[in-house]
């Protein structure tokens, strides 16, 4: 079970890394075997199922996103703790409302993500 304190800590570090555009710190939150699904994967990588597998693929995708959106800043609204997961609700690129459901493994690394956007 993830406590609210653990969820808050993960969210704070994750958000700081993204807002600083620090790719190595962003990637430090993810497990090597990450499974990542997002509508932006479809848009940026033209991957029909919207899914990426593995940290190397995620690094390439995140680098592409940071280059495409040089003014990217996330504004956090809610942190929802779950059983071995956290959901972050935030304002994303282009003012999109986003929610990311992040599952974490035994090492507290993000191992699966489902990203959702309102108005994508």
C-alpha atoms as a PDB file:
ATOM      1  CA  UNK A   1       0.000   0.000   0.000  1.00  0.00           C
ATOM      2  CA  UNK A   2       1.336   3.434  -0.893  1.00  0.00           C
ATOM      3  CA  UNK A   3       0.869   6.004   1.848  1.00  0.00           C
ATOM      4  CA  UNK A   4      -0.133   9.568   1.067  1.00  0.00           C
ATOM      5  CA  UNK A   5       3.308  10.698   2.250  1.00  0.00           C
ATOM      6  CA  UNK A   6       5.011   8.317  -0.196  1.00  0.00           C
ATOM      7  CA  UNK A   7       2.713   9.488  -3.002  1.00  0.00           C
ATOM      8  CA  UNK A   8       3.391  13.136  -2.157  1.00  0.00           C
ATOM      9  CA  UNK A   9       7.156  12.547  -2.159  1.00  0.00           C
ATOM     10  CA  UNK A  10       7.114  10.730  -5.489  1.00  0.00           C
ATOM     11  CA  UNK A  11       4.931  13.452  -7.024  1.00  0.00           C
ATOM     12  CA  UNK A  12       7.139  16.277  -5.745  1.00  0.00           C
ATOM     13  CA  UNK A  13      10.352  14.739  -7.108  1.00  0.00           C
ATOM     14  CA  UNK A  14       8.710  13.735 -10.404  1.00  0.00           C
ATOM     15  CA  UNK A  15       7.250  17.214 -10.916  1.00  0.00           C
ATOM     16  CA  UNK A  16      10.522  18.970 -10.087  1.00  0.00           C
ATOM     17  CA  UNK A  17      12.439  16.817 -12.575  1.00  0.00           C
ATOM     18  CA  UNK A  18       9.930  17.520 -15.342  1.00  0.00           C
ATOM     19  CA  UNK A  19       9.742  21.251 -14.665  1.00  0.00           C
ATOM     20  CA  UNK A  20      13.547  21.448 -14.709  1.00  0.00           C
ATOM     21  CA  UNK A  21      13.618  19.458 -17.974  1.00  0.00           C
ATOM     22  CA  UNK A  22      16.180  17.146 -16.351  1.00  0.00           C
ATOM     23  CA  UNK A  23      15.897  13.963 -18.416  1.00  0.00           C
ATOM     24  CA  UNK A  24      18.215  11.906 -16.215  1.00  0.00           C
ATOM     25  CA  UNK A  25      16.235  12.839 -13.089  1.00  0.00           C
ATOM     26  CA  UNK A  26      12.944  12.178 -14.882  1.00  0.00           C
ATOM     27  CA  UNK A  27      14.132   8.720 -15.938  1.00  0.00           C
ATOM     28  CA  UNK A  28      15.395   7.945 -12.425  1.00  0.00           C
ATOM     29  CA  UNK A  29      11.758   7.490 -11.388  1.00  0.00           C
ATOM     30  CA  UNK A  30      11.125   4.632 -13.835  1.00  0.00           C
ATOM     31  CA  UNK A  31      11.949   0.914 -13.738  1.00  0.00           C
ATOM     32  CA  UNK A  32      13.976  -0.603 -16.571  1.00  0.00           C
ATOM     33  CA  UNK A  33      10.964  -2.655 -17.691  1.00  0.00           C
ATOM     34  CA  UNK A  34       8.528   0.288 -17.731  1.00  0.00           C
ATOM     35  CA  UNK A  35       5.279  -0.088 -19.664  1.00  0.00           C
ATOM     36  CA  UNK A  36       4.052   3.369 -20.678  1.00  0.00           C
ATOM     37  CA  UNK A  37       0.821   4.169 -22.528  1.00  0.00           C
ATOM     38  CA  UNK A  38      -0.240   7.665 -23.614  1.00  0.00           C
ATOM     39  CA  UNK A  39      -2.090   9.420 -26.434  1.00  0.00           C
ATOM     40  CA  UNK A  40       1.100  11.475 -26.882  1.00  0.00           C
ATOM     41  CA  UNK A  41       2.940   8.287 -27.869  1.00  0.00           C
ATOM     42  CA  UNK A  42       0.496   7.984 -30.752  1.00  0.00           C
ATOM     43  CA  UNK A  43       0.965  11.658 -31.686  1.00  0.00           C
ATOM     44  CA  UNK A  44       4.747  11.938 -31.306  1.00  0.00           C
ATOM     45  CA  UNK A  45       5.920   8.430 -32.150  1.00  0.00           C
ATOM     46  CA  UNK A  46       3.097   7.380 -34.492  1.00  0.00           C
ATOM     47  CA  UNK A  47       2.746   4.189 -32.475  1.00  0.00           C
ATOM     48  CA  UNK A  48      -0.858   3.065 -33.026  1.00  0.00           C
ATOM     49  CA  UNK A  49      -1.291   1.323 -29.664  1.00  0.00           C
ATOM     50  CA  UNK A  50       0.190   4.288 -27.769  1.00  0.00           C
ATOM     51  CA  UNK A  51       2.522   2.036 -25.796  1.00  0.00           C
ATOM     52  CA  UNK A  52       6.241   2.012 -25.100  1.00  0.00           C
ATOM     53  CA  UNK A  53       8.198  -0.755 -23.399  1.00  0.00           C
ATOM     54  CA  UNK A  54      11.527  -0.329 -21.645  1.00  0.00           C
ATOM     55  CA  UNK A  55      13.503   2.590 -20.306  1.00  0.00           C
ATOM     56  CA  UNK A  56      15.458   3.153 -23.542  1.00  0.00           C
ATOM     57  CA  UNK A  57      12.242   3.672 -25.526  1.00  0.00           C
ATOM     58  CA  UNK A  58      10.902   5.916 -22.780  1.00  0.00           C
ATOM     59  CA  UNK A  59      14.108   7.993 -22.767  1.00  0.00           C
ATOM     60  CA  UNK A  60      13.836   8.567 -26.514  1.00  0.00           C
ATOM     61  CA  UNK A  61      10.170   9.533 -26.227  1.00  0.00           C
ATOM     62  CA  UNK A  62      10.713  11.903 -23.290  1.00  0.00           C
ATOM     63  CA  UNK A  63      13.681  13.551 -25.049  1.00  0.00           C
ATOM     64  CA  UNK A  64      11.494  14.050 -28.119  1.00  0.00           C
ATOM     65  CA  UNK A  65       8.732  15.572 -25.978  1.00  0.00           C
ATOM     66  CA  UNK A  66      11.097  17.940 -24.166  1.00  0.00           C
ATOM     67  CA  UNK A  67      12.497  19.115 -27.523  1.00  0.00           C
ATOM     68  CA  UNK A  68       9.025  19.623 -29.025  1.00  0.00           C
ATOM     69  CA  UNK A  69       7.730  21.501 -25.963  1.00  0.00           C
ATOM     70  CA  UNK A  70      10.661  23.628 -24.714  1.00  0.00           C
ATOM     71  CA  UNK A  71       8.362  25.658 -22.436  1.00  0.00           C
ATOM     72  CA  UNK A  72       6.825  22.561 -20.854  1.00  0.00           C
ATOM     73  CA  UNK A  73       5.719  23.143 -17.279  1.00  0.00           C
ATOM     74  CA  UNK A  74       3.417  20.897 -15.289  1.00  0.00           C
ATOM     75  CA  UNK A  75       1.122  22.314 -12.621  1.00  0.00           C
ATOM     76  CA  UNK A  76       0.066  19.705 -10.075  1.00  0.00           C
ATOM     77  CA  UNK A  77      -3.550  19.705  -8.842  1.00  0.00           C
ATOM     78  CA  UNK A  78      -4.106  16.396  -7.020  1.00  0.00           C
ATOM     79  CA  UNK A  79      -2.107  13.441  -5.736  1.00  0.00           C
ATOM     80  CA  UNK A  80      -4.159  10.300  -5.191  1.00  0.00           C
ATOM     81  CA  UNK A  81      -2.529   7.374  -3.361  1.00  0.00           C
ATOM     82  CA  UNK A  82      -3.585   3.818  -4.186  1.00  0.00           C
ATOM     83  CA  UNK A  83      -2.442   0.261  -3.647  1.00  0.00           C
ATOM     84  CA  UNK A  84       1.083   0.277  -5.084  1.00  0.00           C
ATOM     85  CA  UNK A  85       0.093   3.187  -7.294  1.00  0.00           C
ATOM     86  CA  UNK A  86      -0.401   6.907  -7.444  1.00  0.00           C
ATOM     87  CA  UNK A  87      -2.520   9.063  -9.733  1.00  0.00           C
ATOM     88  CA  UNK A  88      -1.341  12.570 -10.490  1.00  0.00           C
ATOM     89  CA  UNK A  89      -3.799  15.113 -11.849  1.00  0.00           C
ATOM     90  CA  UNK A  90      -2.057  18.103 -13.396  1.00  0.00           C
ATOM     91  CA  UNK A  91      -2.095  20.681 -16.156  1.00  0.00           C
ATOM     92  CA  UNK A  92       0.163  19.459 -18.951  1.00  0.00           C
ATOM     93  CA  UNK A  93       1.404  20.886 -22.257  1.00  0.00           C
ATOM     94  CA  UNK A  94      -0.921  23.191 -24.169  1.00  0.00           C
ATOM     95  CA  UNK A  95      -3.034  23.597 -21.017  1.00  0.00           C
ATOM     96  CA  UNK A  96      -4.359  20.031 -21.238  1.00  0.00           C
ATOM     97  CA  UNK A  97      -5.766  18.528 -18.072  1.00  0.00           C
ATOM     98  CA  UNK A  98      -3.891  15.262 -17.461  1.00  0.00           C
ATOM     99  CA  UNK A  99      -4.150  12.296 -15.128  1.00  0.00           C
ATOM    100  CA  UNK A 100      -1.406   9.693 -14.942  1.00  0.00           C
ATOM    101  CA  UNK A 101      -1.955   6.437 -13.135  1.00  0.00           C
ATOM    102  CA  UNK A 102       1.473   5.166 -12.091  1.00  0.00           C
ATOM    103  CA  UNK A 103       2.050   1.705 -10.662  1.00  0.00           C
ATOM    104  CA  UNK A 104       5.190   1.284  -8.593  1.00  0.00           C
ATOM    105  CA  UNK A 105       7.256  -1.829  -7.960  1.00  0.00           C
ATOM    106  CA  UNK A 106       8.906  -3.086  -4.755  1.00  0.00           C
ATOM    107  CA  UNK A 107      11.797  -0.627  -5.313  1.00  0.00           C
ATOM    108  CA  UNK A 108       9.305   2.287  -5.484  1.00  0.00           C
ATOM    109  CA  UNK A 109      10.078   2.787  -9.181  1.00  0.00           C
ATOM    110  CA  UNK A 110       7.312   3.448 -11.661  1.00  0.00           C
ATOM    111  CA  UNK A 111       6.764   0.258 -13.651  1.00  0.00           C
ATOM    112  CA  UNK A 112       3.508   0.994 -15.502  1.00  0.00           C
ATOM    113  CA  UNK A 113       1.838   4.238 -16.584  1.00  0.00           C
ATOM    114  CA  UNK A 114      -1.537   4.977 -18.114  1.00  0.00           C
ATOM    115  CA  UNK A 115      -1.737   8.649 -19.148  1.00  0.00           C
ATOM    116  CA  UNK A 116      -5.065  10.354 -19.802  1.00  0.00           C
ATOM    117  CA  UNK A 117      -5.889  13.816 -21.153  1.00  0.00           C
ATOM    118  CA  UNK A 118      -9.020  15.937 -21.359  1.00  0.00           C
ATOM    119  CA  UNK A 119      -9.379  17.682 -24.702  1.00  0.00           C
ATOM    120  CA  UNK A 120      -6.462  15.922 -26.397  1.00  0.00           C
END
